[in-house]
């Protein structure tokens, strides 16, 4: 069924859940995986390029020194992504799942869909932060883009949502029942 699974990874804490779902599917279907990390300026932890164009007036250094500093930050960011991929690849291999790793710069949604098409994936497994309404409109949604443009099936893994603890379900709801 799902023999070729593309796993879209990022550096969020929820990426472990995405990986766990993907590896379970790959094992159940005796499939293989490609772990993909897209180097994107929108990802949390990415160096802030705007500082090159709007430098801190209290920061010393020339423009070329600032570019060099940004380049070092970008390389560290890319290394962190590769380390993430290698770590998950090692775990997948230990679980008996053939895995390849790909890291590439780009726009996440388009890069995920293009990689799925190039690799002829049967399934894309990716996370979903759960943004909706205005937040999704303003910030965009990688998962929404992929759902509408993917060349194959897509499984989105919802990020962990903290629920209010209550002994009665209606006590934690913002809506009150009228009797």
Foldseek 3Di string as FASTA:
>chain_A
DFAEEEEEADPDPCRVVLLVVVLVVCVVVVHAYEYEYEDEPLGPQQDDPVCLVVPDPVDDDDSVVVVVVNVVSNVVNVVVVVVVQVVSCVVSVVVVHHYHYYYYYDDLLVVSQVVCVVVVGQEYGYEFAPDDDPVCVVSPGSVVSNCVRHPHYYHYDYGDDDFDDDPDVQVRDPDHDDD
